[in-house]
Structures are given as structure tokens and as C-alpha cells.
C-alpha atoms as a PDB file:
ATOM      1  CA  MET A   1     -88.548  27.661 -17.475  1.00  0.00           C
ATOM      2  CA  LEU A   2     -85.684  28.388 -15.059  1.00  0.00           C
ATOM      3  CA  GLY A   3     -81.856  28.240 -16.329  1.00  0.00           C
ATOM      4  CA  ALA A   4     -80.216  30.370 -18.833  1.00  0.00           C
ATOM      5  CA  ASP A   5     -83.123  32.383 -19.991  1.00  0.00           C
ATOM      6  CA  PRO A   6     -84.896  32.678 -16.549  1.00  0.00           C
ATOM      7  CA  PRO A   7     -89.082  33.254 -16.838  1.00  0.00           C
ATOM      8  CA  THR A   8     -90.488  36.842 -17.167  1.00  0.00           C
ATOM      9  CA  VAL A   9     -94.189  37.817 -16.929  1.00  0.00           C
ATOM     10  CA  THR A  10     -94.472  38.156 -20.493  1.00  0.00           C
ATOM     11  CA  ARG A  11     -93.474  34.337 -21.029  1.00  0.00           C
ATOM     12  CA  VAL A  12     -95.457  32.724 -18.253  1.00  0.00           C
ATOM     13  CA  ALA A  13     -98.509  35.010 -19.102  1.00  0.00           C
ATOM     14  CA  ALA A  14     -98.109  33.351 -22.690  1.00  0.00           C
ATOM     15  CA  ALA A  15     -97.603  29.871 -21.342  1.00  0.00           C
ATOM     16  CA  LEU A  16    -100.871  30.408 -19.354  1.00  0.00           C
ATOM     17  CA  LEU A  17    -102.721  32.026 -22.068  1.00  0.00           C
ATOM     18  CA  VAL A  18    -103.687  35.041 -20.396  1.00  0.00           C
ATOM     19  CA  SER A  19    -102.488  38.571 -20.722  1.00  0.00           C
ATOM     20  CA  GLU A  20     -99.776  40.102 -18.414  1.00  0.00           C
ATOM     21  CA  ARG A  21    -102.028  42.374 -16.624  1.00  0.00           C
ATOM     22  CA  THR A  22    -104.361  39.534 -15.993  1.00  0.00           C
ATOM     23  CA  LEU A  23    -101.644  37.344 -14.656  1.00  0.00           C
ATOM     24  CA  GLN A  24    -100.379  40.710 -12.573  1.00  0.00           C
ATOM     25  CA  ARG A  25    -103.949  41.292 -11.400  1.00  0.00           C
ATOM     26  CA  ARG A  26    -104.467  37.580 -10.360  1.00  0.00           C
ATOM     27  CA  LEU A  27    -101.128  37.484  -8.327  1.00  0.00           C
ATOM     28  CA  HIS A  28    -102.044  40.815  -6.819  1.00  0.00           C
ATOM     29  CA  ASP A  29    -105.518  39.217  -5.553  1.00  0.00           C
ATOM     30  CA  GLU A  30    -103.638  36.596  -4.179  1.00  0.00           C
ATOM     31  CA  GLY A  31    -101.574  38.580  -2.288  1.00  0.00           C
ATOM     32  CA  THR A  32     -98.168  37.838  -4.023  1.00  0.00           C
ATOM     33  CA  SER A  33     -96.163  39.250  -6.890  1.00  0.00           C
ATOM     34  CA  PHE A  34     -94.312  37.361  -9.833  1.00  0.00           C
ATOM     35  CA  ALA A  35     -91.088  38.332  -8.097  1.00  0.00           C
ATOM     36  CA  ALA A  36     -92.118  36.626  -4.792  1.00  0.00           C
ATOM     37  CA  LEU A  37     -93.016  33.303  -6.916  1.00  0.00           C
ATOM     38  CA  LEU A  38     -90.213  33.282  -8.885  1.00  0.00           C
ATOM     39  CA  ASP A  39     -87.900  33.668  -5.669  1.00  0.00           C
ATOM     40  CA  GLU A  40     -89.876  30.876  -3.863  1.00  0.00           C
ATOM     41  CA  ALA A  41     -89.640  28.657  -6.745  1.00  0.00           C
ATOM     42  CA  ARG A  42     -85.863  29.198  -6.859  1.00  0.00           C
ATOM     43  CA  ARG A  43     -85.748  28.919  -2.980  1.00  0.00           C
ATOM     44  CA  GLU A  44     -87.663  25.417  -3.094  1.00  0.00           C
ATOM     45  CA  LEU A  45     -85.356  23.909  -5.791  1.00  0.00           C
ATOM     46  CA  ALA A  46     -82.105  25.156  -4.337  1.00  0.00           C
ATOM     47  CA  ALA A  47     -83.206  23.549  -1.115  1.00  0.00           C
ATOM     48  CA  ALA A  48     -83.970  20.097  -2.686  1.00  0.00           C
ATOM     49  CA  TRP A  49     -80.874  20.328  -4.907  1.00  0.00           C
ATOM     50  CA  LEU A  50     -78.606  21.191  -2.385  1.00  0.00           C
ATOM     51  CA  ASP A  51     -79.747  18.464  -0.156  1.00  0.00           C
ATOM     52  CA  GLU A  52     -79.330  15.810  -2.510  1.00  0.00           C
ATOM     53  CA  GLY A  53     -75.558  16.953  -2.751  1.00  0.00           C
ATOM     54  CA  ARG A  54     -75.460  15.297  -6.632  1.00  0.00           C
ATOM     55  CA  LEU A  55     -74.856  19.002  -8.073  1.00  0.00           C
ATOM     56  CA  SER A  56     -72.469  21.637  -7.512  1.00  0.00           C
ATOM     57  CA  ARG A  57     -73.739  24.959  -6.194  1.00  0.00           C
ATOM     58  CA  THR A  58     -72.178  26.473  -9.477  1.00  0.00           C
ATOM     59  CA  GLU A  59     -74.537  23.937 -11.343  1.00  0.00           C
ATOM     60  CA  ILE A  60     -77.448  24.753  -9.125  1.00  0.00           C
ATOM     61  CA  GLY A  61     -77.106  28.671  -9.709  1.00  0.00           C
ATOM     62  CA  TYR A  62     -77.076  28.177 -13.312  1.00  0.00           C
ATOM     63  CA  LEU A  63     -79.979  25.860 -13.290  1.00  0.00           C
ATOM     64  CA  LEU A  64     -81.890  28.390 -11.283  1.00  0.00           C
ATOM     65  CA  GLY A  65     -81.255  31.294 -13.639  1.00  0.00           C
ATOM     66  CA  PHE A  66     -78.277  33.065 -11.992  1.00  0.00           C
ATOM     67  CA  SER A  67     -76.025  34.780 -14.100  1.00  0.00           C
ATOM     68  CA  HIS A  68     -72.967  34.745 -11.731  1.00  0.00           C
ATOM     69  CA  PRO A  69     -72.038  32.375  -8.757  1.00  0.00           C
ATOM     70  CA  SER A  70     -71.929  35.217  -6.341  1.00  0.00           C
ATOM     71  CA  SER A  71     -75.579  36.104  -7.101  1.00  0.00           C
ATOM     72  CA  PHE A  72     -76.556  32.734  -6.333  1.00  0.00           C
ATOM     73  CA  SER A  73     -74.391  32.689  -3.070  1.00  0.00           C
ATOM     74  CA  ARG A  74     -76.051  35.914  -1.858  1.00  0.00           C
ATOM     75  CA  ALA A  75     -79.467  34.573  -2.425  1.00  0.00           C
ATOM     76  CA  THR A  76     -78.681  31.335  -0.411  1.00  0.00           C
ATOM     77  CA  ARG A  77     -77.523  33.406   2.466  1.00  0.00           C
ATOM     78  CA  ARG A  78     -80.768  35.192   2.208  1.00  0.00           C
ATOM     79  CA  TRP A  79     -83.155  32.099   1.964  1.00  0.00           C
ATOM     80  CA  PHE A  80     -81.037  30.137   4.321  1.00  0.00           C
ATOM     81  CA  PRO A  81     -79.506  32.452   7.045  1.00  0.00           C
ATOM     82  CA  SER A  82     -79.091  29.546   9.756  1.00  0.00           C
ATOM     83  CA  ALA A  83     -77.243  27.594   7.131  1.00  0.00           C
ATOM     84  CA  ALA A  84     -74.929  30.596   6.158  1.00  0.00           C
ATOM     85  CA  ALA A  85     -74.215  31.166  10.087  1.00  0.00           C
ATOM     86  CA  ALA A  86     -73.004  27.579  10.313  1.00  0.00           C
ATOM     87  CA  GLY A  87     -70.721  27.969   7.521  1.00  0.00           C
ATOM     88  CA  ARG A  88     -72.489  25.474   4.870  1.00  0.00           C
END
């Protein structure tokens, strides 16, 4: 569900055939949130695609649902602080 139209709680709940409230309650019971899971999924995919080296950073950002390359750049600095410090 990532890409030009990033997933929302509403869309994910519908895909899982549960209500939004049920999804949010179950995530809360697991000690997480929809935003945290979305961020983690994006981070894992970004790491894999950056390691592959086949896609540009702009393409990866788009595929992960970031509206601007600068937004993806900020996210990668947050996700991979040691790589950012090394100038990668």
C-alpha cells in the first residue's frame, strides 16, 4: 500500500476486515501505533532498497510514499544516523 497514496488507518483496517477502532486498540495492546508500524515498514524497505543500489534515492522515496525528496532525506537521517554522519 505504499507509494503515491500512502496507507491510512482506514484503508488498512478495511483490508484487514476490522474497524479502525479495533485496529487501533489491538495495536495499543501490542504497545505500538499505526504511525510507528508505518515508519518501521518504510525504514526496513528503505534499508533493503538502498543496499541493493538499483534504485535512486528519489525513486525509493516515491515508492515509500514521501511527497518530496527532502522528506525522504530527513527520514533517512533519522533512521540511519551513522550513515548520515559518514556522508552516505
